[in-house]
Amino acid sequence: GVGGSGTRVVQNILARLGVSMGTDLNE
């Protein structure tokens, strides 16, 4: 999404659902 859209919370949701989101991530 356009930067600042709230993508971080979606990343957390997907990870909690068991999706492997990668190991080399920024903050």
PDB file of all heavy atoms in Angstrom:
ATOM      1  N   GLY A   1       0.844  -1.187   0.000  1.00  0.00           N
ATOM      2  CA  GLY A   1       0.000   0.000   0.000  1.00  0.00           C
ATOM      3  C   GLY A   1       0.879   1.237   0.000  1.00  0.00           C
ATOM      4  O   GLY A   1       2.090   1.150   0.208  1.00  0.00           O
ATOM      5  N   VAL A   2       0.285   2.377  -0.235  1.00  0.00           N
ATOM      6  CA  VAL A   2       1.037   3.620  -0.169  1.00  0.00           C
ATOM      7  C   VAL A   2       1.653   3.746   1.220  1.00  0.00           C
ATOM      8  O   VAL A   2       0.984   3.472   2.225  1.00  0.00           O
ATOM      9  CB  VAL A   2       0.134   4.822  -0.486  1.00  0.00           C
ATOM     10  CG1 VAL A   2       0.889   6.134  -0.323  1.00  0.00           C
ATOM     11  CG2 VAL A   2      -0.412   4.709  -1.904  1.00  0.00           C
ATOM     12  N   GLY A   3       2.926   4.111   1.312  1.00  0.00           N
ATOM     13  CA  GLY A   3       3.643   4.138   2.582  1.00  0.00           C
ATOM     14  C   GLY A   3       2.915   4.910   3.669  1.00  0.00           C
ATOM     15  O   GLY A   3       2.468   6.031   3.447  1.00  0.00           O
ATOM     16  N   GLY A   4       2.775   4.288   4.844  1.00  0.00           N
ATOM     17  CA  GLY A   4       2.078   4.912   5.953  1.00  0.00           C
ATOM     18  C   GLY A   4       0.629   4.500   6.068  1.00  0.00           C
ATOM     19  O   GLY A   4      -0.120   5.027   6.889  1.00  0.00           O
ATOM     20  N   SER A   5       0.223   3.503   5.265  1.00  0.00           N
ATOM     21  CA  SER A   5      -1.183   3.105   5.217  1.00  0.00           C
ATOM     22  C   SER A   5      -1.611   2.196   6.367  1.00  0.00           C
ATOM     23  O   SER A   5      -2.782   1.877   6.486  1.00  0.00           O
ATOM     24  CB  SER A   5      -1.486   2.391   3.893  1.00  0.00           C
ATOM     25  OG  SER A   5      -1.309   3.246   2.804  1.00  0.00           O
ATOM     26  N   GLY A   6      -0.666   1.736   7.161  1.00  0.00           N
ATOM     27  CA  GLY A   6      -1.011   0.791   8.222  1.00  0.00           C
ATOM     28  C   GLY A   6      -0.609  -0.619   7.875  1.00  0.00           C
ATOM     29  O   GLY A   6      -1.150  -1.587   8.421  1.00  0.00           O
ATOM     30  N   THR A   7       0.371  -0.759   6.971  1.00  0.00           N
ATOM     31  CA  THR A   7       0.786  -2.092   6.547  1.00  0.00           C
ATOM     32  C   THR A   7       1.436  -2.885   7.678  1.00  0.00           C
ATOM     33  O   THR A   7       1.411  -4.109   7.672  1.00  0.00           O
ATOM     34  CB  THR A   7       1.773  -2.004   5.363  1.00  0.00           C
ATOM     35  OG1 THR A   7       2.910  -1.220   5.752  1.00  0.00           O
ATOM     36  CG2 THR A   7       1.112  -1.366   4.149  1.00  0.00           C
ATOM     37  N   ARG A   8       1.999  -2.188   8.666  1.00  0.00           N
ATOM     38  CA  ARG A   8       2.698  -2.890   9.740  1.00  0.00           C
ATOM     39  C   ARG A   8       1.753  -3.798  10.528  1.00  0.00           C
ATOM     40  O   ARG A   8       2.105  -4.937  10.857  1.00  0.00           O
ATOM     41  CB  ARG A   8       3.358  -1.891  10.688  1.00  0.00           C
ATOM     42  CG  ARG A   8       4.193  -2.565  11.777  1.00  0.00           C
ATOM     43  CD  ARG A   8       4.776  -1.574  12.772  1.00  0.00           C
ATOM     44  NE  ARG A   8       5.429  -0.447  12.133  1.00  0.00           N
ATOM     45  CZ  ARG A   8       6.370   0.298  12.726  1.00  0.00           C
ATOM     46  NH1 ARG A   8       6.739   0.034  13.963  1.00  0.00           N
ATOM     47  NH2 ARG A   8       6.909   1.315  12.093  1.00  0.00           N
ATOM     48  N   VAL A   9       0.547  -3.324  10.819  1.00  0.00           N
ATOM     49  CA  VAL A   9      -0.386  -4.137  11.582  1.00  0.00           C
ATOM     50  C   VAL A   9      -0.809  -5.360  10.775  1.00  0.00           C
ATOM     51  O   VAL A   9      -1.007  -6.448  11.332  1.00  0.00           O
ATOM     52  CB  VAL A   9      -1.618  -3.321  12.033  1.00  0.00           C
ATOM     53  CG1 VAL A   9      -2.509  -2.936  10.863  1.00  0.00           C
ATOM     54  CG2 VAL A   9      -2.445  -4.107  13.053  1.00  0.00           C
ATOM     55  N   VAL A  10      -0.909  -5.224   9.456  1.00  0.00           N
ATOM     56  CA  VAL A  10      -1.276  -6.367   8.622  1.00  0.00           C
ATOM     57  C   VAL A  10      -0.144  -7.395   8.630  1.00  0.00           C
ATOM     58  O   VAL A  10      -0.389  -8.601   8.652  1.00  0.00           O
ATOM     59  CB  VAL A  10      -1.612  -5.910   7.197  1.00  0.00           C
ATOM     60  CG1 VAL A  10      -1.870  -7.109   6.285  1.00  0.00           C
ATOM     61  CG2 VAL A  10      -2.842  -4.997   7.215  1.00  0.00           C
ATOM     62  N   GLN A  11       1.085  -6.927   8.626  1.00  0.00           N
ATOM     63  CA  GLN A  11       2.221  -7.851   8.724  1.00  0.00           C
ATOM     64  C   GLN A  11       2.132  -8.650  10.017  1.00  0.00           C
ATOM     65  O   GLN A  11       2.341  -9.872  10.029  1.00  0.00           O
ATOM     66  CB  GLN A  11       3.538  -7.064   8.670  1.00  0.00           C
ATOM     67  CG  GLN A  11       4.774  -7.909   8.435  1.00  0.00           C
ATOM     68  CD  GLN A  11       5.408  -8.447   9.714  1.00  0.00           C
ATOM     69  OE1 GLN A  11       5.077  -8.009  10.806  1.00  0.00           O
ATOM     70  NE2 GLN A  11       6.309  -9.395   9.577  1.00  0.00           N
ATOM     71  N   ASN A  12       1.805  -7.989  11.117  1.00  0.00           N
ATOM     72  CA  ASN A  12       1.678  -8.680  12.402  1.00  0.00           C
ATOM     73  C   ASN A  12       0.540  -9.687  12.377  1.00  0.00           C
ATOM     74  O   ASN A  12       0.646 -10.794  12.931  1.00  0.00           O
ATOM     75  CB  ASN A  12       1.443  -7.661  13.521  1.00  0.00           C
ATOM     76  CG  ASN A  12       2.657  -6.801  13.794  1.00  0.00           C
ATOM     77  OD1 ASN A  12       3.790  -7.197  13.517  1.00  0.00           O
ATOM     78  ND2 ASN A  12       2.443  -5.603  14.336  1.00  0.00           N
ATOM     79  N   ILE A  13      -0.565  -9.320  11.744  1.00  0.00           N
ATOM     80  CA  ILE A  13      -1.720 -10.215  11.662  1.00  0.00           C
ATOM     81  C   ILE A  13      -1.373 -11.467  10.857  1.00  0.00           C
ATOM     82  O   ILE A  13      -1.676 -12.593  11.265  1.00  0.00           O
ATOM     83  CB  ILE A  13      -2.925  -9.473  11.039  1.00  0.00           C
ATOM     84  CG1 ILE A  13      -3.462  -8.431  12.022  1.00  0.00           C
ATOM     85  CG2 ILE A  13      -4.018 -10.453  10.629  1.00  0.00           C
ATOM     86  CD1 ILE A  13      -4.437  -7.449  11.417  1.00  0.00           C
ATOM     87  N   LEU A  14      -0.721 -11.283   9.724  1.00  0.00           N
ATOM     88  CA  LEU A  14      -0.360 -12.420   8.889  1.00  0.00           C
ATOM     89  C   LEU A  14       0.619 -13.344   9.613  1.00  0.00           C
ATOM     90  O   LEU A  14       0.490 -14.572   9.555  1.00  0.00           O
ATOM     91  CB  LEU A  14       0.243 -11.933   7.574  1.00  0.00           C
ATOM     92  CG  LEU A  14      -0.725 -11.231   6.614  1.00  0.00           C
ATOM     93  CD1 LEU A  14       0.029 -10.682   5.406  1.00  0.00           C
ATOM     94  CD2 LEU A  14      -1.822 -12.167   6.165  1.00  0.00           C
ATOM     95  N   ALA A  15       1.589 -12.758  10.294  1.00  0.00           N
ATOM     96  CA  ALA A  15       2.547 -13.570  11.040  1.00  0.00           C
ATOM     97  C   ALA A  15       1.839 -14.372  12.125  1.00  0.00           C
ATOM     98  O   ALA A  15       2.142 -15.557  12.339  1.00  0.00           O
ATOM     99  CB  ALA A  15       3.632 -12.680  11.650  1.00  0.00           C
ATOM    100  N   ARG A  16       0.877 -13.751  12.807  1.00  0.00           N
ATOM    101  CA  ARG A  16       0.125 -14.452  13.860  1.00  0.00           C
ATOM    102  C   ARG A  16      -0.732 -15.583  13.276  1.00  0.00           C
ATOM    103  O   ARG A  16      -1.008 -16.571  13.949  1.00  0.00           O
ATOM    104  CB  ARG A  16      -0.754 -13.458  14.614  1.00  0.00           C
ATOM    105  CG  ARG A  16      -1.405 -14.006  15.879  1.00  0.00           C
ATOM    106  CD  ARG A  16      -0.376 -14.301  16.961  1.00  0.00           C
ATOM    107  NE  ARG A  16       0.317 -13.117  17.409  1.00  0.00           N
ATOM    108  CZ  ARG A  16      -0.086 -12.355  18.431  1.00  0.00           C
ATOM    109  NH1 ARG A  16      -1.192 -12.662  19.083  1.00  0.00           N
ATOM    110  NH2 ARG A  16       0.616 -11.292  18.791  1.00  0.00           N
ATOM    111  N   LEU A  17      -1.125 -15.447  12.024  1.00  0.00           N
ATOM    112  CA  LEU A  17      -1.904 -16.492  11.356  1.00  0.00           C
ATOM    113  C   LEU A  17      -1.023 -17.628  10.839  1.00  0.00           C
ATOM    114  O   LEU A  17      -1.523 -18.600  10.266  1.00  0.00           O
ATOM    115  CB  LEU A  17      -2.697 -15.890  10.198  1.00  0.00           C
ATOM    116  CG  LEU A  17      -3.952 -15.090  10.580  1.00  0.00           C
ATOM    117  CD1 LEU A  17      -4.483 -14.338   9.371  1.00  0.00           C
ATOM    118  CD2 LEU A  17      -5.024 -16.010  11.167  1.00  0.00           C
ATOM    119  N   GLY A  18       0.274 -17.501  11.020  1.00  0.00           N
ATOM    120  CA  GLY A  18       1.168 -18.578  10.628  1.00  0.00           C
ATOM    121  C   GLY A  18       1.827 -18.413   9.277  1.00  0.00           C
ATOM    122  O   GLY A  18       2.409 -19.365   8.741  1.00  0.00           O
ATOM    123  N   VAL A  19       1.762 -17.211   8.722  1.00  0.00           N
ATOM    124  CA  VAL A  19       2.424 -16.953   7.446  1.00  0.00           C
ATOM    125  C   VAL A  19       3.882 -16.583   7.721  1.00  0.00           C
ATOM    126  O   VAL A  19       4.154 -15.670   8.499  1.00  0.00           O
ATOM    127  CB  VAL A  19       1.735 -15.811   6.669  1.00  0.00           C
ATOM    128  CG1 VAL A  19       2.430 -15.584   5.324  1.00  0.00           C
ATOM    129  CG2 VAL A  19       0.255 -16.113   6.463  1.00  0.00           C
ATOM    130  N   SER A  20       4.808 -17.276   7.083  1.00  0.00           N
ATOM    131  CA  SER A  20       6.226 -16.940   7.221  1.00  0.00           C
ATOM    132  C   SER A  20       6.496 -15.679   6.409  1.00  0.00           C
ATOM    133  O   SER A  20       6.454 -15.696   5.182  1.00  0.00           O
ATOM    134  CB  SER A  20       7.096 -18.088   6.711  1.00  0.00           C
ATOM    135  OG  SER A  20       8.469 -17.723   6.735  1.00  0.00           O
ATOM    136  N   MET A  21       6.769 -14.578   7.115  1.00  0.00           N
ATOM    137  CA  MET A  21       6.895 -13.271   6.464  1.00  0.00           C
ATOM    138  C   MET A  21       8.343 -12.878   6.188  1.00  0.00           C
ATOM    139  O   MET A  21       8.623 -11.735   5.844  1.00  0.00           O
ATOM    140  CB  MET A  21       6.217 -12.204   7.324  1.00  0.00           C
ATOM    141  CG  MET A  21       4.739 -12.448   7.556  1.00  0.00           C
ATOM    142  SD  MET A  21       3.768 -12.383   6.027  1.00  0.00           S
ATOM    143  CE  MET A  21       3.735 -10.623   5.718  1.00  0.00           C
ATOM    144  N   GLY A  22       9.249 -13.831   6.333  1.00  0.00           N
ATOM    145  CA  GLY A  22      10.661 -13.552   6.079  1.00  0.00           C
ATOM    146  C   GLY A  22      11.422 -13.350   7.374  1.00  0.00           C
ATOM    147  O   GLY A  22      10.840 -13.144   8.445  1.00  0.00           O
ATOM    148  N   THR A  23      12.729 -13.415   7.273  1.00  0.00           N
ATOM    149  CA  THR A  23      13.587 -13.295   8.453  1.00  0.00           C
ATOM    150  C   THR A  23      14.422 -12.021   8.456  1.00  0.00           C
ATOM    151  O   THR A  23      15.002 -11.667   9.480  1.00  0.00           O
ATOM    152  CB  THR A  23      14.528 -14.505   8.537  1.00  0.00           C
ATOM    153  OG1 THR A  23      15.276 -14.605   7.313  1.00  0.00           O
ATOM    154  CG2 THR A  23      13.736 -15.794   8.744  1.00  0.00           C
ATOM    155  N   ASP A  24      14.489 -11.358   7.326  1.00  0.00           N
ATOM    156  CA  ASP A  24      15.297 -10.139   7.215  1.00  0.00           C
ATOM    157  C   ASP A  24      14.347  -8.954   7.074  1.00  0.00           C
ATOM    158  O   ASP A  24      13.987  -8.547   5.966  1.00  0.00           O
ATOM    159  CB  ASP A  24      16.232 -10.249   6.004  1.00  0.00           C
ATOM    160  CG  ASP A  24      17.340  -9.200   6.031  1.00  0.00           C
ATOM    161  OD1 ASP A  24      17.263  -8.272   6.872  1.00  0.00           O
ATOM    162  OD2 ASP A  24      18.271  -9.308   5.208  1.00  0.00           O
ATOM    163  N   LEU A  25      13.920  -8.433   8.222  1.00  0.00           N
ATOM    164  CA  LEU A  25      12.902  -7.387   8.256  1.00  0.00           C
ATOM    165  C   LEU A  25      13.444  -6.140   8.934  1.00  0.00           C
ATOM    166  O   LEU A  25      14.326  -6.219   9.791  1.00  0.00           O
ATOM    167  CB  LEU A  25      11.665  -7.865   9.028  1.00  0.00           C
ATOM    168  CG  LEU A  25      11.088  -9.247   8.685  1.00  0.00           C
ATOM    169  CD1 LEU A  25       9.913  -9.570   9.610  1.00  0.00           C
ATOM    170  CD2 LEU A  25      10.676  -9.323   7.226  1.00  0.00           C
ATOM    171  N   ASN A  26      12.899  -4.992   8.569  1.00  0.00           N
ATOM    172  CA  ASN A  26      13.235  -3.777   9.304  1.00  0.00           C
ATOM    173  C   ASN A  26      12.246  -3.579  10.453  1.00  0.00           C
ATOM    174  O   ASN A  26      11.388  -4.439  10.713  1.00  0.00           O
ATOM    175  CB  ASN A  26      13.280  -2.551   8.378  1.00  0.00           C
ATOM    176  CG  ASN A  26      11.917  -2.227   7.770  1.00  0.00           C
ATOM    177  OD1 ASN A  26      10.886  -2.779   8.155  1.00  0.00           O
ATOM    178  ND2 ASN A  26      11.915  -1.314   6.813  1.00  0.00           N
ATOM    179  N   GLU A  27      12.362  -2.480  11.161  1.00  0.00           N
ATOM    180  CA  GLU A  27      11.525  -2.237  12.334  1.00  0.00           C
ATOM    181  C   GLU A  27      10.045  -2.222  11.982  1.00  0.00           C
ATOM    182  O   GLU A  27       9.195  -2.602  12.805  1.00  0.00           O
ATOM    183  CB  GLU A  27      11.911  -0.901  12.976  1.00  0.00           C
ATOM    184  CG  GLU A  27      11.221  -0.612  14.289  1.00  0.00           C
ATOM    185  CD  GLU A  27      11.664   0.702  14.902  1.00  0.00           C
ATOM    186  OE1 GLU A  27      12.643   1.295  14.398  1.00  0.00           O
ATOM    187  OE2 GLU A  27      11.026   1.148  15.882  1.00  0.00           O
TER     188      GLU A  27
END
